[in-house]
Amino acid sequence: MTARVRRRPLPAWLTVALWYVAARVVTTAMFLGASALSGPKSRLGEHPTLWRYLTAYDATWYRLTAEHGYPTTLPLTPDGTVAANPWAFLPVYPYLAKLVGAPFHSWAVGGIAVSVIAGYLTALVLHRIWRMKLDPSASMWAVVFFVSGPLAALFQIAYAESLGELWLVLILWSVLRRRYGWSYLLIPLFGFTRPGALPVALFLGLYGIWRLLNRRTEALRAVEAAHIAVLAVWAAVIGFAWQIIAGRVTGDGNAYLETELAWRRHWQPGASDAFAPFQGFVQGIAFWCSKHHVPVAAGLAALLVGVLAAAALLLFEPHVRRLGVELRLWTASYLLYLLAVFFPQSSVFRLLFPTAPIWGAAAAPRSRLWRFGVLLVCLLGQWWWIYTMYGLGNGIWRIP
């Protein structure tokens, strides 16, 4: 017989796993390259080990949180303001890492293991989400972009982002499948892993309104409407819960906000402990403009252009629209949340990680040249982030 025996395609979970492992090898090589190029001015020292890279910066805070818990009295700086302390770090990740690392007598082993495993599971769930909107080839290419992207190092360092992303995509998947039950558990898991429950509340509220307005296209049953409404309120409650817990434990109702503002004072010494929505972003634009001798008006104009460009992308770009209203509403909700609460600094790149589901649109064009070009940009962006934040690590804007 001359007929060719067709090979059965690998199952999706295995294909995703192979791409994920290959991407982790590339990321590891980039870390080693950054170490070889690092100098004595880096915060992490000259030619640090790979282990040092994977457990640096916020990983130290997560480990301290797991080992010593949260202070009942807020620490103060010499000038009497609240100092940086563990209340800025939510509890699910550090304590889960402690549990996983217990057999190895190492919190760091647990932290890295949780990040690596959660990253693979996130890629697997995202593949299923994208498969609902895209063809098989585009869905798998979207996974390749995700596991190789500019922030792919987060899958290997002892940070909470990878685990938080897993809870988030599971929430989005439950909404896309119209099966809301698991979200009652997933929302607190997400909200106590990474700050993000409040944009989930906004997303669910907007999604409920959209479903109501489009009920002739897709029927909105009373039980489904109730789930969406209750989950939106539940997410809002979780979004404020950590502030309440910190206040009850420390006796200071502003403990969480004061702790978060302690980090802002690294960039703006003497900054007020007052918080107002959108104030941080405006102050940040003014701060960075003054650093680079740019008129503040120009910086604010650039911000406005960026906001309008993001809105146009989410509303009108055809490949983005193919992903559906749910992912677009989530992205818009999260970006609005960042504008409302964040002071723009080097961590802004990392904080964009939850917008990953929308980047599946980058794989929608069928052109092979386009897809390899996007992959190249992903890898170059990843190298830039690792080398800048870890290899150099010597400037105010070089902190991951």
Protein backbone atom coordinates (compact mmCIF):
# COMPACT_ATOMS: atom_id res chain seq x y z
CA MET A 1 0.00 0.00 0.00
CA THR A 2 1.26 3.44 -0.92
CA ALA A 3 -1.25 5.51 0.99
CA ARG A 4 0.31 7.64 3.65
CA VAL A 5 -0.59 6.99 7.21
CA ARG A 6 -1.79 10.25 8.65
CA ARG A 7 -0.31 11.18 11.95
CA ARG A 8 -2.79 11.91 14.67
CA PRO A 9 -2.33 15.46 15.97
CA LEU A 10 -1.08 15.84 19.49
CA PRO A 11 -3.73 16.69 22.07
CA ALA A 12 -3.97 20.40 22.78
CA TRP A 13 -2.81 20.06 26.39
CA LEU A 14 0.40 18.38 25.25
CA THR A 15 1.06 20.87 22.43
CA VAL A 16 0.58 23.75 24.88
CA ALA A 17 2.92 21.99 27.33
CA LEU A 18 5.64 21.58 24.71
CA TRP A 19 5.46 25.23 23.71
CA TYR A 20 5.41 26.27 27.35
CA VAL A 21 8.50 24.23 28.24
CA ALA A 22 10.35 25.52 25.16
CA ALA A 23 9.46 29.09 26.13
CA ARG A 24 10.73 28.54 29.68
CA VAL A 25 14.05 27.32 28.29
CA VAL A 26 14.31 30.52 26.24
CA THR A 27 13.44 32.67 29.25
CA THR A 28 16.06 30.87 31.34
CA ALA A 29 18.66 31.52 28.65
CA MET A 30 17.71 35.20 28.69
CA PHE A 31 18.13 35.36 32.47
CA LEU A 32 21.56 33.77 32.14
CA GLY A 33 22.47 36.20 29.37
CA ALA A 34 21.36 39.15 31.51
CA SER A 35 23.49 37.82 34.37
CA ALA A 36 26.55 37.57 32.13
CA LEU A 37 26.05 41.18 31.01
CA SER A 38 25.16 42.65 34.40
CA GLY A 39 27.58 44.98 36.13
CA PRO A 40 28.42 45.96 39.70
CA LYS A 41 25.85 48.80 39.68
CA SER A 42 22.94 46.40 39.42
CA ARG A 43 20.84 46.10 42.57
CA LEU A 44 21.35 42.36 42.41
CA GLY A 45 25.13 42.56 42.11
CA GLU A 46 27.53 41.63 39.37
CA HIS A 47 26.78 38.35 37.55
CA PRO A 48 24.15 37.11 40.02
CA THR A 49 22.97 33.51 39.92
CA LEU A 50 19.78 32.46 38.19
CA TRP A 51 18.32 31.66 41.61
CA ARG A 52 18.98 35.23 42.72
CA TYR A 53 17.04 36.54 39.77
CA LEU A 54 14.07 34.25 40.37
CA THR A 55 13.75 35.21 44.03
CA ALA A 56 14.52 38.94 43.95
CA TYR A 57 12.52 42.14 44.47
CA ASP A 58 8.88 41.46 45.49
CA ALA A 59 9.65 37.77 45.97
CA THR A 60 11.50 38.79 49.14
CA TRP A 61 8.36 40.48 50.45
CA TYR A 62 6.23 37.42 49.68
CA ARG A 63 8.68 35.20 51.54
CA LEU A 64 8.73 37.53 54.56
CA THR A 65 4.93 37.58 54.53
CA ALA A 66 4.75 33.78 54.53
CA GLU A 67 7.34 33.43 57.29
CA HIS A 68 6.31 36.27 59.61
CA GLY A 69 2.74 37.18 58.69
CA TYR A 70 1.26 40.68 58.78
CA PRO A 71 2.21 43.30 61.40
CA THR A 72 -0.40 44.34 63.92
CA THR A 73 1.33 47.72 64.21
CA LEU A 74 2.29 49.61 61.07
CA PRO A 75 6.04 50.34 60.87
CA LEU A 76 6.98 54.00 60.52
CA THR A 77 9.80 55.82 58.78
CA PRO A 78 11.95 58.36 60.72
CA ASP A 79 9.68 61.16 59.49
CA GLY A 80 6.60 59.43 60.91
CA THR A 81 5.00 58.15 57.69
CA VAL A 82 4.02 54.53 57.17
CA ALA A 83 6.91 52.43 55.85
CA ALA A 84 6.73 49.66 53.25
CA ASN A 85 5.36 46.51 54.88
CA PRO A 86 3.68 43.18 54.05
CA TRP A 87 0.12 44.59 54.00
CA ALA A 88 0.76 45.53 50.35
CA PHE A 89 1.02 41.80 49.48
CA LEU A 90 -2.10 39.65 49.43
CA PRO A 91 -2.01 36.29 51.22
CA VAL A 92 -3.01 33.49 48.82
CA TYR A 93 0.26 33.28 46.88
CA PRO A 94 2.81 33.52 49.73
CA TYR A 95 1.00 30.95 51.89
CA LEU A 96 0.33 28.57 49.00
CA ALA A 97 4.02 28.81 48.08
CA LYS A 98 4.91 28.05 51.70
CA LEU A 99 2.69 24.96 51.60
CA VAL A 100 4.13 23.71 48.30
CA GLY A 101 7.70 24.42 49.41
CA ALA A 102 7.34 22.77 52.83
CA PRO A 103 8.57 19.31 51.68
CA PHE A 104 11.70 21.00 50.30
CA HIS A 105 12.16 23.25 53.36
CA SER A 106 12.27 26.18 50.96
CA TRP A 107 9.65 28.87 50.40
CA ALA A 108 11.44 29.90 47.18
CA VAL A 109 11.09 26.42 45.67
CA GLY A 110 7.38 26.55 46.42
CA GLY A 111 7.04 30.07 45.02
CA ILE A 112 8.75 29.23 41.74
CA ALA A 113 6.84 25.94 41.41
CA VAL A 114 3.50 27.69 41.91
CA SER A 115 4.38 30.30 39.29
CA VAL A 116 5.54 27.73 36.73
CA ILE A 117 2.54 25.42 37.19
CA ALA A 118 0.02 28.27 37.26
CA GLY A 119 1.55 29.69 34.08
CA TYR A 120 1.02 26.42 32.20
CA LEU A 121 -2.56 26.10 33.45
CA THR A 122 -3.23 29.70 32.45
CA ALA A 123 -1.96 29.01 28.93
CA LEU A 124 -4.19 25.93 28.76
CA VAL A 125 -7.31 27.86 29.81
CA LEU A 126 -6.48 30.73 27.47
CA HIS A 127 -6.17 28.25 24.62
CA ARG A 128 -9.69 27.06 25.34
CA ILE A 129 -10.94 30.64 25.53
CA TRP A 130 -9.28 31.58 22.24
CA ARG A 131 -10.50 28.34 20.66
CA MET A 132 -14.05 29.59 21.25
CA LYS A 133 -13.29 32.63 19.08
CA LEU A 134 -10.47 31.66 16.70
CA ASP A 135 -9.53 28.76 14.44
CA PRO A 136 -7.16 26.05 15.80
CA SER A 137 -4.03 27.50 14.19
CA ALA A 138 -4.66 31.04 15.45
CA SER A 139 -5.52 29.76 18.93
CA MET A 140 -2.25 27.88 19.26
CA TRP A 141 -0.25 30.79 17.85
CA ALA A 142 -1.89 33.02 20.46
CA VAL A 143 -0.63 30.62 23.13
CA VAL A 144 2.88 30.80 21.67
CA PHE A 145 2.77 34.60 21.85
CA PHE A 146 1.48 34.46 25.43
CA VAL A 147 4.12 32.05 26.78
CA SER A 148 6.90 33.88 24.91
CA GLY A 149 5.74 37.46 25.42
CA PRO A 150 7.53 40.45 26.93
CA LEU A 151 6.36 39.51 30.44
CA ALA A 152 6.92 35.76 30.14
CA ALA A 153 9.55 35.89 32.90
CA LEU A 154 6.64 36.19 35.35
CA PHE A 155 6.00 32.48 34.80
CA GLN A 156 9.33 31.66 36.45
CA ILE A 157 9.91 34.21 39.18
CA ALA A 158 8.45 33.99 42.67
CA TYR A 159 5.75 36.60 42.05
CA ALA A 160 1.96 36.30 42.40
CA GLU A 161 1.15 37.38 38.82
CA SER A 162 1.12 33.89 37.33
CA LEU A 163 -1.28 32.52 39.93
CA GLY A 164 -3.45 35.63 39.78
CA GLU A 165 -3.67 35.30 36.00
CA LEU A 166 -4.88 31.73 36.39
CA TRP A 167 -7.79 32.75 38.63
CA LEU A 168 -8.62 35.61 36.25
CA VAL A 169 -8.79 33.54 33.06
CA LEU A 170 -10.90 30.93 34.86
CA ILE A 171 -13.35 33.71 35.79
CA LEU A 172 -13.46 34.89 32.19
CA TRP A 173 -13.89 31.32 30.95
CA SER A 174 -16.83 30.79 33.31
CA VAL A 175 -18.50 33.94 31.96
CA LEU A 176 -17.86 32.93 28.35
CA ARG A 177 -19.39 29.51 29.01
CA ARG A 178 -22.32 31.06 30.93
CA ARG A 179 -21.49 28.83 33.88
CA TYR A 180 -21.12 31.17 36.82
CA GLY A 181 -21.03 28.87 39.84
CA TRP A 182 -17.25 28.51 40.13
CA SER A 183 -16.80 32.29 40.03
CA TYR A 184 -18.12 32.57 43.58
CA LEU A 185 -14.91 30.83 44.66
CA LEU A 186 -12.62 32.16 41.92
CA ILE A 187 -13.33 35.83 42.67
CA PRO A 188 -12.03 35.71 46.28
CA LEU A 189 -9.08 33.57 45.17
CA PHE A 190 -8.22 36.22 42.60
CA GLY A 191 -8.96 39.14 44.92
CA PHE A 192 -6.71 37.78 47.67
CA THR A 193 -3.89 36.91 45.23
CA ARG A 194 -3.56 40.13 43.25
CA PRO A 195 -5.44 43.45 43.42
CA GLY A 196 -8.09 43.12 40.72
CA ALA A 197 -11.47 42.26 42.20
CA LEU A 198 -12.77 45.81 41.70
CA PRO A 199 -12.25 45.78 37.92
CA VAL A 200 -13.92 42.35 37.91
CA ALA A 201 -16.92 44.01 39.58
CA LEU A 202 -16.94 46.73 36.92
CA PHE A 203 -16.56 44.14 34.16
CA LEU A 204 -19.49 42.08 35.44
CA GLY A 205 -21.64 45.18 35.82
CA LEU A 206 -20.92 46.29 32.25
CA TYR A 207 -21.38 42.75 31.00
CA GLY A 208 -24.77 42.52 32.71
CA ILE A 209 -25.86 45.79 31.09
CA TRP A 210 -24.67 44.57 27.70
CA ARG A 211 -26.57 41.30 28.07
CA LEU A 212 -29.69 43.21 29.09
CA LEU A 213 -29.48 45.51 26.08
CA ASN A 214 -28.89 42.56 23.73
CA ARG A 215 -31.41 40.14 25.23
CA ARG A 216 -33.19 39.80 21.88
CA THR A 217 -30.01 38.43 20.34
CA GLU A 218 -29.18 36.16 23.31
CA ALA A 219 -31.90 35.51 25.86
CA LEU A 220 -31.06 36.60 29.41
CA ARG A 221 -32.76 34.25 31.82
CA ALA A 222 -33.68 35.55 35.26
CA VAL A 223 -31.36 33.10 37.02
CA GLU A 224 -28.44 34.17 34.81
CA ALA A 225 -29.15 37.86 35.41
CA ALA A 226 -29.22 37.16 39.15
CA HIS A 227 -25.84 35.38 38.99
CA ILE A 228 -24.25 38.28 37.11
CA ALA A 229 -25.63 40.88 39.51
CA VAL A 230 -24.71 38.96 42.67
CA LEU A 231 -21.21 38.20 41.36
CA ALA A 232 -20.66 41.88 40.55
CA VAL A 233 -21.58 42.82 44.13
CA TRP A 234 -19.50 39.93 45.49
CA ALA A 235 -16.46 41.11 43.52
CA ALA A 236 -16.92 44.65 44.88
CA VAL A 237 -17.08 43.29 48.45
CA ILE A 238 -13.90 41.25 47.89
CA GLY A 239 -12.25 44.29 46.32
CA PHE A 240 -12.60 46.26 49.56
CA ALA A 241 -12.22 43.33 51.97
CA TRP A 242 -8.43 43.50 52.32
CA GLN A 243 -8.59 47.15 53.27
CA ILE A 244 -11.11 46.32 55.98
CA ILE A 245 -9.05 43.38 57.26
CA ALA A 246 -5.88 45.49 57.41
CA GLY A 247 -7.76 48.19 59.28
CA ARG A 248 -9.22 45.76 61.83
CA VAL A 249 -5.87 44.04 62.50
CA THR A 250 -3.80 47.22 62.80
CA GLY A 251 -6.41 49.52 64.28
CA ASP A 252 -5.82 51.96 61.41
CA GLY A 253 -8.66 52.16 58.91
CA ASN A 254 -6.28 53.53 56.25
CA ALA A 255 -3.59 50.90 56.83
CA TYR A 256 -3.75 49.41 53.35
CA LEU A 257 -3.88 52.72 51.50
CA GLU A 258 -1.08 54.16 53.63
CA THR A 259 1.02 51.08 52.91
CA GLU A 260 0.47 51.33 49.17
CA LEU A 261 1.31 55.04 49.24
CA ALA A 262 4.56 54.17 51.01
CA TRP A 263 5.75 52.69 47.72
CA ARG A 264 4.68 55.81 45.87
CA ARG A 265 6.91 57.89 48.14
CA HIS A 266 9.92 56.05 46.69
CA TRP A 267 9.26 58.15 43.58
CA GLN A 268 7.72 61.17 45.28
CA PRO A 269 9.27 61.73 48.73
CA GLY A 270 6.93 63.63 51.00
CA ALA A 271 3.84 62.70 48.99
CA SER A 272 0.52 63.08 50.76
CA ASP A 273 -1.23 60.10 52.30
CA ALA A 274 -4.46 61.28 50.71
CA PHE A 275 -5.86 59.20 47.85
CA ALA A 276 -8.17 60.35 45.09
CA PRO A 277 -9.15 58.39 41.96
CA PHE A 278 -7.03 59.22 38.90
CA GLN A 279 -4.82 61.51 41.00
CA GLY A 280 -1.87 59.11 40.91
CA PHE A 281 -1.75 58.92 37.14
CA VAL A 282 -1.88 62.70 36.75
CA GLN A 283 0.83 63.13 39.39
CA GLY A 284 2.91 60.44 37.72
CA ILE A 285 2.71 62.13 34.33
CA ALA A 286 3.84 65.40 35.93
CA PHE A 287 6.67 63.60 37.77
CA TRP A 288 8.07 61.87 34.68
CA CYS A 289 7.69 64.99 32.54
CA SER A 290 9.74 66.97 35.04
CA LYS A 291 12.39 64.24 35.09
CA HIS A 292 12.79 64.40 31.32
CA HIS A 293 12.19 68.14 30.90
CA VAL A 294 8.98 67.65 28.93
CA PRO A 295 6.01 70.04 29.31
CA VAL A 296 3.33 68.51 31.53
CA ALA A 297 0.68 69.49 28.98
CA ALA A 298 2.46 67.34 26.40
CA GLY A 299 2.50 64.40 28.80
CA LEU A 300 -1.21 64.74 29.55
CA ALA A 301 -1.95 65.05 25.84
CA ALA A 302 0.00 61.84 25.21
CA LEU A 303 -2.01 60.11 27.94
CA LEU A 304 -5.26 61.27 26.34
CA VAL A 305 -4.12 60.02 22.94
CA GLY A 306 -3.20 56.67 24.49
CA VAL A 307 -6.61 56.34 26.15
CA LEU A 308 -8.42 57.19 22.91
CA ALA A 309 -6.23 54.78 20.94
CA ALA A 310 -6.97 51.94 23.40
CA ALA A 311 -10.69 52.71 23.23
CA ALA A 312 -10.62 52.73 19.42
CA LEU A 313 -8.73 49.43 19.38
CA LEU A 314 -11.26 47.75 21.66
CA LEU A 315 -14.27 49.21 19.84
CA PHE A 316 -13.34 49.02 16.18
CA GLU A 317 -10.29 46.84 15.39
CA PRO A 318 -11.76 43.79 13.59
CA HIS A 319 -9.36 41.18 14.98
CA VAL A 320 -10.00 42.41 18.52
CA ARG A 321 -13.75 42.40 17.91
CA ARG A 322 -13.52 38.73 16.89
CA LEU A 323 -12.57 37.89 20.46
CA GLY A 324 -16.00 38.92 21.67
CA VAL A 325 -17.44 41.55 23.94
CA GLU A 326 -16.50 39.76 27.17
CA LEU A 327 -12.73 40.00 26.71
CA ARG A 328 -13.03 43.56 25.44
CA LEU A 329 -15.14 44.64 28.41
CA TRP A 330 -12.66 43.04 30.80
CA THR A 331 -9.72 44.82 29.18
CA ALA A 332 -11.50 48.17 29.26
CA SER A 333 -12.49 47.68 32.91
CA TYR A 334 -8.98 46.78 33.97
CA LEU A 335 -7.33 49.65 32.09
CA LEU A 336 -9.80 52.09 33.65
CA TYR A 337 -8.96 50.63 37.06
CA LEU A 338 -5.23 51.20 36.48
CA LEU A 339 -5.90 54.79 35.48
CA ALA A 340 -7.92 55.30 38.65
CA VAL A 341 -5.55 53.82 41.24
CA PHE A 342 -2.03 53.52 39.85
CA PHE A 343 0.98 55.82 39.96
CA PRO A 344 2.76 55.14 36.64
CA GLN A 345 6.27 53.81 37.14
CA SER A 346 8.35 50.86 36.03
CA SER A 347 5.87 48.29 37.35
CA VAL A 348 3.30 49.47 34.83
CA PHE A 349 4.62 46.88 32.35
CA ARG A 350 4.02 44.07 34.83
CA LEU A 351 0.62 45.43 35.80
CA LEU A 352 -0.54 45.17 32.18
CA PHE A 353 -0.27 41.37 32.45
CA PRO A 354 -4.02 40.86 33.13
CA THR A 355 -4.82 42.29 29.69
CA ALA A 356 -3.24 39.17 28.13
CA PRO A 357 -6.56 37.60 26.97
CA ILE A 358 -7.12 40.39 24.45
CA TRP A 359 -3.75 39.80 22.80
CA GLY A 360 -5.11 36.66 21.19
CA ALA A 361 -6.15 39.06 18.44
CA ALA A 362 -2.49 39.29 17.40
CA ALA A 363 -2.71 35.71 16.12
CA ALA A 364 -5.88 36.22 14.08
CA PRO A 365 -4.18 37.34 10.81
CA ARG A 366 -3.30 34.23 8.83
CA SER A 367 -0.07 35.58 7.35
CA ARG A 368 2.89 33.44 8.37
CA LEU A 369 5.18 36.44 8.02
CA TRP A 370 2.96 38.40 10.41
CA ARG A 371 2.93 35.64 13.01
CA PHE A 372 6.69 35.12 12.96
CA GLY A 373 7.09 38.88 13.15
CA VAL A 374 4.87 39.06 16.24
CA LEU A 375 6.83 36.21 17.83
CA LEU A 376 10.08 38.06 17.17
CA VAL A 377 8.66 41.20 18.79
CA CYS A 378 7.56 39.11 21.79
CA LEU A 379 11.03 37.68 22.27
CA LEU A 380 12.76 41.02 21.80
CA GLY A 381 10.36 42.59 24.30
CA GLN A 382 11.05 39.80 26.77
CA TRP A 383 14.81 40.29 26.44
CA TRP A 384 14.43 44.04 26.90
CA TRP A 385 12.38 43.56 30.08
CA ILE A 386 14.71 40.97 31.61
CA TYR A 387 17.91 42.79 30.71
CA THR A 388 16.59 46.21 31.77
CA MET A 389 14.94 45.19 35.04
CA TYR A 390 17.40 42.49 36.11
CA GLY A 391 20.64 42.79 34.14
CA LEU A 392 20.88 46.59 34.49
CA GLY A 393 18.58 47.15 37.45
CA ASN A 394 20.28 50.41 38.36
CA GLY A 395 17.74 53.16 37.73
CA ILE A 396 14.53 54.38 39.27
CA TRP A 397 12.56 52.97 36.32
CA ARG A 398 14.39 49.63 36.30
CA ILE A 399 12.37 47.79 38.93
CA PRO A 400 10.08 44.93 37.77
